[in-house]
Amino acid sequence: MTALSHHFVTCQNLEIHYTAWGERSAPLVILWHGLTRTGRDFDELAAALSDQFYVVCPDTPGRGLSQWCSDPATQYTVPFYAQLALNLMEALDVPHCDWVGTSMGGLIGMLTASLAPERIRRLVINDVAPEVPQAALARIRDYVGQLPEFQSVAELQAWLQQVYVPFGENSAAFWQRMALTSARRKDDGRLTLHYDPALVVPFMADNSGDLWAQWKQLACPMLVLRGALSDLLTSALAQRMLDTNQHAQLETIAAVGHAPTLANAEQIALVKGFLTDQYFGGH
């Protein structure tokens, strides 16, 4: 296991921060987070994979330590992020990688693999389908633009544990790290979440496009993870994914909603097994 290191690279004329784990000479795996989160969400999984992979966990623009965008309507979008991901791979000077994407990160992985099939060897899609249900989109619109404020990190941590109950059971250390990597000080000294509230702008355009056409074309091995209680990846959508692409396998995580954290031993074993050809499950 190798300790994380911090790196900055320019992609699409933006400064992008990523953490890295493992030996630079090892096969690359990119772990890409969800809508309002950061690459630090993957600390546990990255550490577990670092004995066999070089693990890169980017902060998407507008989150964490990456630069905020000047044109939210066009830059805070999956197509822009996919081009940025290809730039990142070029900057890392690697011909291909494996990809693990949670929610938005899964959508970016699908589109990146569609645009450049030779770049993605294996794809883990964590709790997202090629389309997002309207009810889930409405929920996203409601919360993304309304950043809460806190007096202390302890208050922020308590809020995270309440709001992210769908994540399921996680350790105290997990929640503390979530709080530490989610916090941003405002000018008045109060804490808020570490993302640009303008992320909501593309959602207000009511863009109902989907990636089903791209999904059907993907030919790399794919593992779809679904929280059994998820409102984002419903059982019907998961079944449609299997019905329309023979390269996909499904694992459902019990007692979890949106989204599995990939931070406990069982979930880490699923991902690591799939990436190292030791996975024989799926249904």
Protein backbone atom coordinates (compact mmCIF):
# COMPACT_ATOMS: atom_id res chain seq x y z
CA MET A 1 0.00 0.00 0.00
CA THR A 2 1.33 3.41 -1.01
CA ALA A 3 0.40 6.72 0.61
CA LEU A 4 -1.45 9.24 -1.50
CA SER A 5 0.32 12.07 -3.31
CA HIS A 6 -1.18 15.29 -4.70
CA HIS A 7 -0.77 16.45 -8.29
CA PHE A 8 -1.96 19.30 -10.52
CA VAL A 9 -2.23 19.21 -14.30
CA THR A 10 -3.80 21.49 -16.92
CA CYS A 11 -6.62 19.91 -18.94
CA GLN A 12 -9.04 21.85 -21.16
CA ASN A 13 -7.30 25.04 -19.94
CA LEU A 14 -8.25 24.29 -16.33
CA GLU A 15 -6.04 23.33 -13.40
CA ILE A 16 -7.08 19.85 -12.32
CA HIS A 17 -6.13 18.32 -8.99
CA TYR A 18 -5.83 14.60 -8.49
CA THR A 19 -4.56 12.29 -5.81
CA ALA A 20 -2.48 9.30 -6.82
CA TRP A 21 -1.68 6.01 -5.12
CA GLY A 22 0.70 3.20 -6.03
CA GLU A 23 3.66 2.91 -8.38
CA ARG A 24 3.68 5.09 -11.47
CA SER A 25 4.80 2.14 -13.58
CA ALA A 26 1.79 -0.02 -12.64
CA PRO A 27 -1.37 -0.28 -14.79
CA LEU A 28 -3.53 2.82 -14.49
CA VAL A 29 -7.01 2.87 -12.97
CA ILE A 30 -8.98 6.13 -12.80
CA LEU A 31 -11.57 6.54 -10.04
CA TRP A 32 -14.08 9.30 -10.82
CA HIS A 33 -16.47 10.62 -8.19
CA GLY A 34 -20.12 11.74 -8.15
CA LEU A 35 -21.74 15.09 -8.83
CA THR A 36 -20.88 17.18 -5.76
CA ARG A 37 -18.13 15.03 -4.30
CA THR A 38 -14.31 14.91 -4.69
CA GLY A 39 -11.69 12.34 -5.59
CA ARG A 40 -10.95 11.84 -1.89
CA ASP A 41 -14.17 9.80 -1.63
CA PHE A 42 -12.13 6.90 -2.98
CA ASP A 43 -9.34 6.89 -0.37
CA GLU A 44 -10.18 3.41 0.92
CA LEU A 45 -10.60 1.83 -2.51
CA ALA A 46 -7.52 3.60 -3.89
CA ALA A 47 -5.37 2.35 -1.02
CA ALA A 48 -6.63 -1.21 -1.54
CA LEU A 49 -5.91 -1.10 -5.29
CA SER A 50 -2.49 0.54 -4.97
CA ASP A 51 -0.64 -2.76 -4.54
CA GLN A 52 -1.42 -3.65 -8.17
CA PHE A 53 -2.38 -0.38 -9.87
CA TYR A 54 -1.39 3.23 -10.24
CA VAL A 55 -4.60 4.82 -8.97
CA VAL A 56 -5.61 8.35 -10.01
CA CYS A 57 -8.56 10.11 -8.35
CA PRO A 58 -9.36 13.46 -10.01
CA ASP A 59 -11.39 16.32 -8.59
CA THR A 60 -13.81 17.30 -11.35
CA PRO A 61 -13.69 21.03 -12.21
CA GLY A 62 -15.71 23.01 -9.69
CA ARG A 63 -15.01 20.52 -6.90
CA GLY A 64 -12.29 20.04 -4.35
CA LEU A 65 -8.97 21.58 -5.35
CA SER A 66 -9.66 21.76 -9.09
CA GLN A 67 -10.35 25.08 -10.79
CA TRP A 68 -13.90 26.39 -11.07
CA CYS A 69 -15.34 26.95 -14.55
CA SER A 70 -16.23 30.30 -16.13
CA ASP A 71 -18.96 28.88 -18.37
CA PRO A 72 -21.07 26.56 -16.18
CA ALA A 73 -23.70 25.83 -18.84
CA THR A 74 -21.21 24.17 -21.19
CA GLN A 75 -18.31 23.19 -18.93
CA TYR A 76 -20.19 21.53 -16.05
CA THR A 77 -21.42 18.81 -18.37
CA VAL A 78 -20.60 15.17 -19.04
CA PRO A 79 -19.38 15.78 -22.63
CA PHE A 80 -16.91 18.40 -21.38
CA TYR A 81 -15.72 16.09 -18.59
CA ALA A 82 -15.20 13.24 -21.07
CA GLN A 83 -12.91 15.42 -23.18
CA LEU A 84 -11.12 16.46 -20.01
CA ALA A 85 -10.67 12.79 -19.06
CA LEU A 86 -9.05 12.08 -22.42
CA ASN A 87 -6.74 15.07 -21.88
CA LEU A 88 -5.85 13.70 -18.45
CA MET A 89 -4.90 10.31 -19.91
CA GLU A 90 -2.71 12.09 -22.46
CA ALA A 91 -1.06 14.07 -19.68
CA LEU A 92 -0.42 10.83 -17.79
CA ASP A 93 1.09 9.41 -21.01
CA VAL A 94 -0.77 6.10 -20.87
CA PRO A 95 -2.47 4.33 -23.81
CA HIS A 96 -5.36 2.95 -21.77
CA CYS A 97 -6.73 2.50 -18.28
CA ASP A 98 -9.41 0.83 -16.21
CA TRP A 99 -12.20 3.10 -14.96
CA VAL A 100 -14.36 3.12 -11.83
CA GLY A 101 -17.04 5.80 -11.82
CA THR A 102 -19.64 6.61 -9.18
CA SER A 103 -22.85 8.21 -10.46
CA MET A 104 -21.65 11.15 -12.60
CA GLY A 105 -18.26 9.45 -12.79
CA GLY A 106 -19.99 6.42 -14.32
CA LEU A 107 -21.62 8.58 -16.99
CA ILE A 108 -18.25 10.16 -17.80
CA GLY A 109 -16.76 6.68 -18.08
CA MET A 110 -19.50 5.52 -20.47
CA LEU A 111 -19.05 8.51 -22.76
CA THR A 112 -15.25 8.37 -22.63
CA ALA A 113 -15.32 4.68 -23.55
CA SER A 114 -17.71 5.46 -26.41
CA LEU A 115 -15.54 8.28 -27.76
CA ALA A 116 -12.26 6.35 -27.43
CA PRO A 117 -12.92 2.60 -27.04
CA GLU A 118 -9.21 1.80 -27.10
CA ARG A 119 -8.68 3.92 -23.99
CA ILE A 120 -10.88 2.02 -21.51
CA ARG A 121 -10.07 -1.65 -20.83
CA ARG A 122 -12.58 -2.35 -18.04
CA LEU A 123 -15.39 -0.21 -16.73
CA VAL A 124 -17.03 -0.27 -13.29
CA ILE A 125 -20.24 1.76 -13.22
CA ASN A 126 -21.40 2.54 -9.70
CA ASP A 127 -25.14 3.19 -9.36
CA VAL A 128 -26.04 5.04 -12.53
CA ALA A 129 -27.74 4.19 -15.83
CA PRO A 130 -27.38 5.81 -19.26
CA GLU A 131 -30.36 7.94 -18.25
CA VAL A 132 -31.24 9.62 -14.95
CA PRO A 133 -34.89 9.31 -13.85
CA GLN A 134 -36.82 12.59 -13.79
CA ALA A 135 -37.59 12.27 -10.06
CA ALA A 136 -33.87 11.95 -9.31
CA LEU A 137 -33.10 14.92 -11.58
CA ALA A 138 -35.63 17.02 -9.68
CA ARG A 139 -34.02 16.03 -6.38
CA ILE A 140 -30.60 17.01 -7.74
CA ARG A 141 -31.89 20.41 -8.88
CA ASP A 142 -33.30 21.02 -5.42
CA TYR A 143 -30.14 20.38 -3.45
CA VAL A 144 -27.15 21.25 -5.65
CA GLY A 145 -27.66 25.02 -5.73
CA GLN A 146 -28.50 25.32 -2.01
CA LEU A 147 -25.19 25.04 -0.17
CA PRO A 148 -25.67 24.60 3.60
CA GLU A 149 -23.48 26.45 6.10
CA PHE A 150 -21.90 25.19 9.31
CA GLN A 151 -20.11 26.64 12.32
CA SER A 152 -17.78 23.66 12.78
CA VAL A 153 -16.42 20.55 11.11
CA ALA A 154 -18.27 18.46 13.70
CA GLU A 155 -21.54 20.07 12.63
CA LEU A 156 -20.71 19.39 8.98
CA GLN A 157 -19.85 15.76 9.74
CA ALA A 158 -23.16 15.24 11.54
CA TRP A 159 -24.99 16.72 8.55
CA LEU A 160 -23.16 14.44 6.12
CA GLN A 161 -24.02 11.36 8.16
CA GLN A 162 -27.68 12.35 8.10
CA VAL A 163 -27.92 13.36 4.45
CA TYR A 164 -25.91 10.41 3.18
CA VAL A 165 -27.78 7.70 5.07
CA PRO A 166 -28.31 5.98 1.66
CA PHE A 167 -24.55 5.31 1.61
CA GLY A 168 -25.18 2.55 4.16
CA GLU A 169 -22.93 1.56 7.05
CA ASN A 170 -19.50 3.18 7.07
CA SER A 171 -16.78 3.66 9.68
CA ALA A 172 -16.29 6.72 11.88
CA ALA A 173 -12.98 7.32 10.10
CA PHE A 174 -14.85 7.36 6.76
CA TRP A 175 -17.26 10.05 7.94
CA GLN A 176 -14.49 12.16 9.44
CA ARG A 177 -12.53 12.06 6.20
CA MET A 178 -15.71 12.89 4.28
CA ALA A 179 -16.13 15.99 6.44
CA LEU A 180 -12.50 17.08 6.16
CA THR A 181 -12.47 16.73 2.36
CA SER A 182 -15.93 18.27 1.90
CA ALA A 183 -15.30 21.50 3.84
CA ARG A 184 -14.64 24.94 2.36
CA ARG A 185 -14.38 28.18 4.37
CA LYS A 186 -16.43 31.13 3.19
CA ASP A 187 -15.39 34.76 3.52
CA ASP A 188 -17.37 35.05 6.75
CA GLY A 189 -15.51 32.10 8.27
CA ARG A 190 -18.40 29.68 8.17
CA LEU A 191 -18.01 26.30 6.48
CA THR A 192 -19.84 25.10 3.41
CA LEU A 193 -19.40 22.26 0.92
CA HIS A 194 -16.39 22.15 -1.39
CA TYR A 195 -18.07 22.70 -4.75
CA ASP A 196 -19.23 25.50 -7.02
CA PRO A 197 -22.99 26.12 -6.60
CA ALA A 198 -23.09 26.93 -10.33
CA LEU A 199 -22.97 23.15 -10.93
CA VAL A 200 -26.77 23.40 -10.93
CA VAL A 201 -26.85 25.59 -14.07
CA PRO A 202 -26.86 22.75 -16.66
CA PHE A 203 -29.66 20.99 -14.75
CA MET A 204 -31.89 24.06 -15.01
CA ALA A 205 -31.80 23.72 -18.80
CA ASP A 206 -33.87 20.53 -18.41
CA ASN A 207 -31.63 18.56 -20.75
CA SER A 208 -33.19 15.12 -20.87
CA GLY A 209 -30.61 13.55 -23.18
CA ASP A 210 -29.32 10.07 -22.42
CA LEU A 211 -26.42 7.79 -23.32
CA TRP A 212 -28.33 4.65 -24.38
CA ALA A 213 -26.97 4.77 -27.93
CA GLN A 214 -23.41 5.00 -26.61
CA TRP A 215 -24.10 2.32 -23.99
CA LYS A 216 -25.20 -0.22 -26.60
CA GLN A 217 -21.91 0.26 -28.49
CA LEU A 218 -19.58 -0.36 -25.54
CA ALA A 219 -17.58 -3.56 -25.92
CA CYS A 220 -15.26 -3.60 -22.90
CA PRO A 221 -16.00 -5.78 -19.85
CA MET A 222 -18.34 -3.86 -17.53
CA LEU A 223 -19.46 -4.35 -13.95
CA VAL A 224 -22.58 -2.43 -12.91
CA LEU A 225 -23.00 -1.92 -9.17
CA ARG A 226 -26.45 -1.00 -7.87
CA GLY A 227 -27.58 0.03 -4.42
CA ALA A 228 -30.67 -2.05 -3.76
CA LEU A 229 -32.53 1.04 -2.48
CA SER A 230 -31.26 3.43 -5.17
CA ASP A 231 -33.63 5.92 -6.80
CA LEU A 232 -31.03 6.74 -9.47
CA LEU A 233 -30.33 3.25 -10.80
CA THR A 234 -33.69 1.53 -10.49
CA SER A 235 -34.05 -2.23 -10.94
CA ALA A 236 -35.83 -1.61 -14.27
CA LEU A 237 -32.99 0.54 -15.59
CA ALA A 238 -30.40 -1.98 -14.40
CA GLN A 239 -32.23 -4.75 -16.25
CA ARG A 240 -32.38 -2.64 -19.39
CA MET A 241 -28.62 -2.16 -19.17
CA LEU A 242 -28.12 -5.92 -19.11
CA ASP A 243 -30.64 -6.49 -21.89
CA THR A 244 -28.97 -3.99 -24.22
CA ASN A 245 -25.30 -4.82 -23.66
CA GLN A 246 -24.01 -8.36 -23.32
CA HIS A 247 -20.68 -7.17 -21.93
CA ALA A 248 -22.25 -5.94 -18.67
CA GLN A 249 -22.69 -7.83 -15.40
CA LEU A 250 -24.70 -6.64 -12.40
CA GLU A 251 -24.10 -6.78 -8.67
CA THR A 252 -26.73 -5.42 -6.27
CA ILE A 253 -25.56 -4.14 -2.87
CA ALA A 254 -28.09 -4.84 -0.13
CA ALA A 255 -29.29 -2.17 2.33
CA VAL A 256 -27.67 0.67 0.34
CA GLY A 257 -29.24 3.44 -1.73
CA HIS A 258 -27.44 5.93 -3.93
CA ALA A 259 -24.62 5.17 -3.95
CA PRO A 260 -22.40 2.37 -2.63
CA THR A 261 -19.29 4.05 -1.18
CA LEU A 262 -16.86 1.32 -2.30
CA ALA A 263 -15.19 1.85 1.06
CA ASN A 264 -15.89 -1.40 2.92
CA ALA A 265 -14.22 -4.77 2.48
CA GLU A 266 -17.07 -6.44 0.59
CA GLN A 267 -17.51 -3.68 -1.97
CA ILE A 268 -13.75 -3.23 -2.40
CA ALA A 269 -13.42 -6.97 -3.04
CA LEU A 270 -16.03 -6.80 -5.83
CA VAL A 271 -14.22 -3.97 -7.59
CA LYS A 272 -10.73 -5.36 -7.10
CA GLY A 273 -11.79 -8.82 -8.21
CA PHE A 274 -13.29 -7.45 -11.40
CA LEU A 275 -10.22 -5.33 -12.21
CA THR A 276 -7.83 -8.23 -11.60
CA ASP A 277 -9.88 -10.88 -13.46
CA GLN A 278 -10.77 -12.62 -10.20
CA TYR A 279 -14.49 -11.83 -10.46
CA PHE A 280 -16.83 -14.63 -11.43
CA GLY A 281 -20.18 -13.29 -10.24
CA GLY A 282 -22.82 -11.18 -11.92
CA HIS A 283 -26.33 -11.94 -12.98
